[in-house]
Amino acid sequence: MLQNEVTKEPKIDDEWLTALGSFRVIHIQQDPASTIWKCQLRKV
């Protein structure tokens, strides 16, 4: 996700509600330019 699309930094164990269901963040990585977050999600 682009960093300018979110208001807070994602955290491990955050839960996201989407049209596809509920997901928990299990891993977060930021690119070197600090423009995007790569988040690994697991369906809960």
PDB file of N, CA and C in Angstrom:
ATOM      1  N   MET A   1       0.838  -1.158   0.000  1.00  0.00           N
ATOM      2  CA  MET A   1       0.000   0.000   0.000  1.00  0.00           C
ATOM      3  C   MET A   1       0.890   1.230   0.000  1.00  0.00           C
ATOM      4  N   LEU A   2       0.435   2.293  -0.603  1.00  0.00           N
ATOM      5  CA  LEU A   2       1.196   3.538  -0.597  1.00  0.00           C
ATOM      6  C   LEU A   2       1.077   4.193   0.770  1.00  0.00           C
ATOM      7  N   GLN A   3       2.181   4.723   1.265  1.00  0.00           N
ATOM      8  CA  GLN A   3       2.166   5.323   2.590  1.00  0.00           C
ATOM      9  C   GLN A   3       1.251   6.535   2.671  1.00  0.00           C
ATOM     10  N   ASN A   4       1.068   7.257   1.572  1.00  0.00           N
ATOM     11  CA  ASN A   4       0.200   8.438   1.625  1.00  0.00           C
ATOM     12  C   ASN A   4      -1.281   8.064   1.612  1.00  0.00           C
ATOM     13  N   GLU A   5      -1.604   6.755   1.499  1.00  0.00           N
ATOM     14  CA  GLU A   5      -2.997   6.308   1.521  1.00  0.00           C
ATOM     15  C   GLU A   5      -3.473   5.927   2.918  1.00  0.00           C
ATOM     16  N   VAL A   6      -2.574   5.896   3.890  1.00  0.00           N
ATOM     17  CA  VAL A   6      -2.947   5.505   5.252  1.00  0.00           C
ATOM     18  C   VAL A   6      -2.598   6.618   6.225  1.00  0.00           C
ATOM     19  N   THR A   7      -3.314   6.648   7.342  1.00  0.00           N
ATOM     20  CA  THR A   7      -3.079   7.701   8.334  1.00  0.00           C
ATOM     21  C   THR A   7      -2.131   7.262   9.442  1.00  0.00           C
ATOM     22  N   LYS A   8      -1.982   5.931   9.647  1.00  0.00           N
ATOM     23  CA  LYS A   8      -1.093   5.420  10.690  1.00  0.00           C
ATOM     24  C   LYS A   8      -0.231   4.297  10.131  1.00  0.00           C
ATOM     25  N   GLU A   9       0.915   4.107  10.753  1.00  0.00           N
ATOM     26  CA  GLU A   9       1.799   3.009  10.374  1.00  0.00           C
ATOM     27  C   GLU A   9       1.144   1.676  10.736  1.00  0.00           C
ATOM     28  N   PRO A  10       1.147   0.698   9.819  1.00  0.00           N
ATOM     29  CA  PRO A  10       0.582  -0.607  10.168  1.00  0.00           C
ATOM     30  C   PRO A  10       1.428  -1.301  11.232  1.00  0.00           C
ATOM     31  N   LYS A  11       0.785  -2.073  12.083  1.00  0.00           N
ATOM     32  CA  LYS A  11       1.461  -2.794  13.168  1.00  0.00           C
ATOM     33  C   LYS A  11       1.140  -4.280  13.071  1.00  0.00           C
ATOM     34  N   ILE A  12       2.055  -5.112  13.558  1.00  0.00           N
ATOM     35  CA  ILE A  12       1.810  -6.549  13.646  1.00  0.00           C
ATOM     36  C   ILE A  12       0.573  -6.774  14.511  1.00  0.00           C
ATOM     37  N   ASP A  13      -0.270  -7.704  14.108  1.00  0.00           N
ATOM     38  CA  ASP A  13      -1.520  -8.079  14.791  1.00  0.00           C
ATOM     39  C   ASP A  13      -2.659  -7.092  14.582  1.00  0.00           C
ATOM     40  N   ASP A  14      -2.466  -6.031  13.778  1.00  0.00           N
ATOM     41  CA  ASP A  14      -3.609  -5.194  13.388  1.00  0.00           C
ATOM     42  C   ASP A  14      -4.582  -6.062  12.609  1.00  0.00           C
ATOM     43  N   GLU A  15      -5.870  -5.768  12.727  1.00  0.00           N
ATOM     44  CA  GLU A  15      -6.867  -6.473  11.927  1.00  0.00           C
ATOM     45  C   GLU A  15      -7.477  -5.509  10.933  1.00  0.00           C
ATOM     46  N   TRP A  16      -7.567  -5.956   9.686  1.00  0.00           N
ATOM     47  CA  TRP A  16      -8.139  -5.153   8.611  1.00  0.00           C
ATOM     48  C   TRP A  16      -9.446  -5.785   8.167  1.00  0.00           C
ATOM     49  N   LEU A  17     -10.478  -4.989   8.066  1.00  0.00           N
ATOM     50  CA  LEU A  17     -11.761  -5.449   7.547  1.00  0.00           C
ATOM     51  C   LEU A  17     -11.883  -4.976   6.109  1.00  0.00           C
ATOM     52  N   THR A  18     -12.071  -5.916   5.187  1.00  0.00           N
ATOM     53  CA  THR A  18     -12.202  -5.588   3.768  1.00  0.00           C
ATOM     54  C   THR A  18     -13.452  -6.257   3.220  1.00  0.00           C
ATOM     55  N   ALA A  19     -13.729  -6.003   1.959  1.00  0.00           N
ATOM     56  CA  ALA A  19     -14.858  -6.657   1.301  1.00  0.00           C
ATOM     57  C   ALA A  19     -14.643  -8.171   1.206  1.00  0.00           C
ATOM     58  N   LEU A  20     -13.393  -8.612   1.297  1.00  0.00           N
ATOM     59  CA  LEU A  20     -13.078 -10.045   1.214  1.00  0.00           C
ATOM     60  C   LEU A  20     -13.056 -10.733   2.573  1.00  0.00           C
ATOM     61  N   GLY A  21     -13.245  -9.973   3.650  1.00  0.00           N
ATOM     62  CA  GLY A  21     -13.255 -10.550   4.989  1.00  0.00           C
ATOM     63  C   GLY A  21     -12.314  -9.826   5.929  1.00  0.00           C
ATOM     64  N   SER A  22     -12.000 -10.484   7.033  1.00  0.00           N
ATOM     65  CA  SER A  22     -11.139  -9.923   8.069  1.00  0.00           C
ATOM     66  C   SER A  22      -9.746 -10.545   7.954  1.00  0.00           C
ATOM     67  N   PHE A  23      -8.707  -9.695   8.035  1.00  0.00           N
ATOM     68  CA  PHE A  23      -7.327 -10.151   7.888  1.00  0.00           C
ATOM     69  C   PHE A  23      -6.475  -9.592   9.018  1.00  0.00           C
ATOM     70  N   ARG A  24      -5.468 -10.371   9.449  1.00  0.00           N
ATOM     71  CA  ARG A  24      -4.527  -9.937  10.480  1.00  0.00           C
ATOM     72  C   ARG A  24      -3.162  -9.730   9.834  1.00  0.00           C
ATOM     73  N   VAL A  25      -2.482  -8.641  10.206  1.00  0.00           N
ATOM     74  CA  VAL A  25      -1.138  -8.338   9.705  1.00  0.00           C
ATOM     75  C   VAL A  25      -0.146  -9.229  10.447  1.00  0.00           C
ATOM     76  N   ILE A  26       0.650  -9.996   9.691  1.00  0.00           N
ATOM     77  CA  ILE A  26       1.629 -10.871  10.341  1.00  0.00           C
ATOM     78  C   ILE A  26       3.077 -10.486  10.011  1.00  0.00           C
ATOM     79  N   HIS A  27       3.282  -9.650   8.984  1.00  0.00           N
ATOM     80  CA  HIS A  27       4.633  -9.187   8.644  1.00  0.00           C
ATOM     81  C   HIS A  27       4.520  -7.854   7.916  1.00  0.00           C
ATOM     82  N   ILE A  28       5.453  -6.942   8.208  1.00  0.00           N
ATOM     83  CA  ILE A  28       5.462  -5.618   7.574  1.00  0.00           C
ATOM     84  C   ILE A  28       6.874  -5.325   7.083  1.00  0.00           C
ATOM     85  N   GLN A  29       6.964  -4.775   5.879  1.00  0.00           N
ATOM     86  CA  GLN A  29       8.252  -4.379   5.311  1.00  0.00           C
ATOM     87  C   GLN A  29       8.066  -3.044   4.607  1.00  0.00           C
ATOM     88  N   GLN A  30       9.050  -2.167   4.742  1.00  0.00           N
ATOM     89  CA  GLN A  30       8.993  -0.859   4.089  1.00  0.00           C
ATOM     90  C   GLN A  30      10.083  -0.796   3.031  1.00  0.00           C
ATOM     91  N   ASP A  31       9.777  -0.192   1.891  1.00  0.00           N
ATOM     92  CA  ASP A  31      10.790  -0.075   0.840  1.00  0.00           C
ATOM     93  C   ASP A  31      11.839   0.964   1.238  1.00  0.00           C
ATOM     94  N   PRO A  32      13.038   0.930   0.629  1.00  0.00           N
ATOM     95  CA  PRO A  32      14.114   1.859   0.997  1.00  0.00           C
ATOM     96  C   PRO A  32      13.763   3.337   0.807  1.00  0.00           C
ATOM     97  N   ALA A  33      12.889   3.642  -0.141  1.00  0.00           N
ATOM     98  CA  ALA A  33      12.513   5.040  -0.385  1.00  0.00           C
ATOM     99  C   ALA A  33      11.392   5.514   0.541  1.00  0.00           C
ATOM    100  N   SER A  34      10.895   4.622   1.386  1.00  0.00           N
ATOM    101  CA  SER A  34       9.811   4.942   2.336  1.00  0.00           C
ATOM    102  C   SER A  34       8.551   5.444   1.640  1.00  0.00           C
ATOM    103  N   THR A  35       8.208   4.792   0.527  1.00  0.00           N
ATOM    104  CA  THR A  35       6.995   5.199  -0.187  1.00  0.00           C
ATOM    105  C   THR A  35       5.888   4.160  -0.109  1.00  0.00           C
ATOM    106  N   ILE A  36       6.251   2.902   0.163  1.00  0.00           N
ATOM    107  CA  ILE A  36       5.222   1.859   0.254  1.00  0.00           C
ATOM    108  C   ILE A  36       5.475   0.942   1.447  1.00  0.00           C
ATOM    109  N   TRP A  37       4.401   0.329   1.910  1.00  0.00           N
ATOM    110  CA  TRP A  37       4.465  -0.741   2.902  1.00  0.00           C
ATOM    111  C   TRP A  37       4.125  -2.039   2.186  1.00  0.00           C
ATOM    112  N   LYS A  38       4.834  -3.104   2.494  1.00  0.00           N
ATOM    113  CA  LYS A  38       4.457  -4.448   2.053  1.00  0.00           C
ATOM    114  C   LYS A  38       3.992  -5.182   3.303  1.00  0.00           C
ATOM    115  N   CYS A  39       2.737  -5.581   3.300  1.00  0.00           N
ATOM    116  CA  CYS A  39       2.154  -6.236   4.466  1.00  0.00           C
ATOM    117  C   CYS A  39       1.707  -7.636   4.099  1.00  0.00           C
ATOM    118  N   GLN A  40       2.136  -8.605   4.899  1.00  0.00           N
ATOM    119  CA  GLN A  40       1.655  -9.973   4.719  1.00  0.00           C
ATOM    120  C   GLN A  40       0.451 -10.148   5.627  1.00  0.00           C
ATOM    121  N   LEU A  41      -0.653 -10.620   5.044  1.00  0.00           N
ATOM    122  CA  LEU A  41      -1.908 -10.753   5.774  1.00  0.00           C
ATOM    123  C   LEU A  41      -2.308 -12.214   5.876  1.00  0.00           C
ATOM    124  N   ARG A  42      -3.021 -12.537   6.947  1.00  0.00           N
ATOM    125  CA  ARG A  42      -3.598 -13.872   7.107  1.00  0.00           C
ATOM    126  C   ARG A  42      -5.071 -13.714   7.424  1.00  0.00           C
ATOM    127  N   LYS A  43      -5.907 -14.475   6.728  1.00  0.00           N
ATOM    128  CA  LYS A  43      -7.353 -14.392   6.941  1.00  0.00           C
ATOM    129  C   LYS A  43      -7.699 -14.949   8.320  1.00  0.00           C
ATOM    130  N   VAL A  44      -8.557 -14.229   9.042  1.00  0.00           N
ATOM    131  CA  VAL A  44      -8.992 -14.684  10.376  1.00  0.00           C
ATOM    132  C   VAL A  44     -10.468 -14.981  10.384  1.00  0.00           C
TER     133      VAL A  44
END
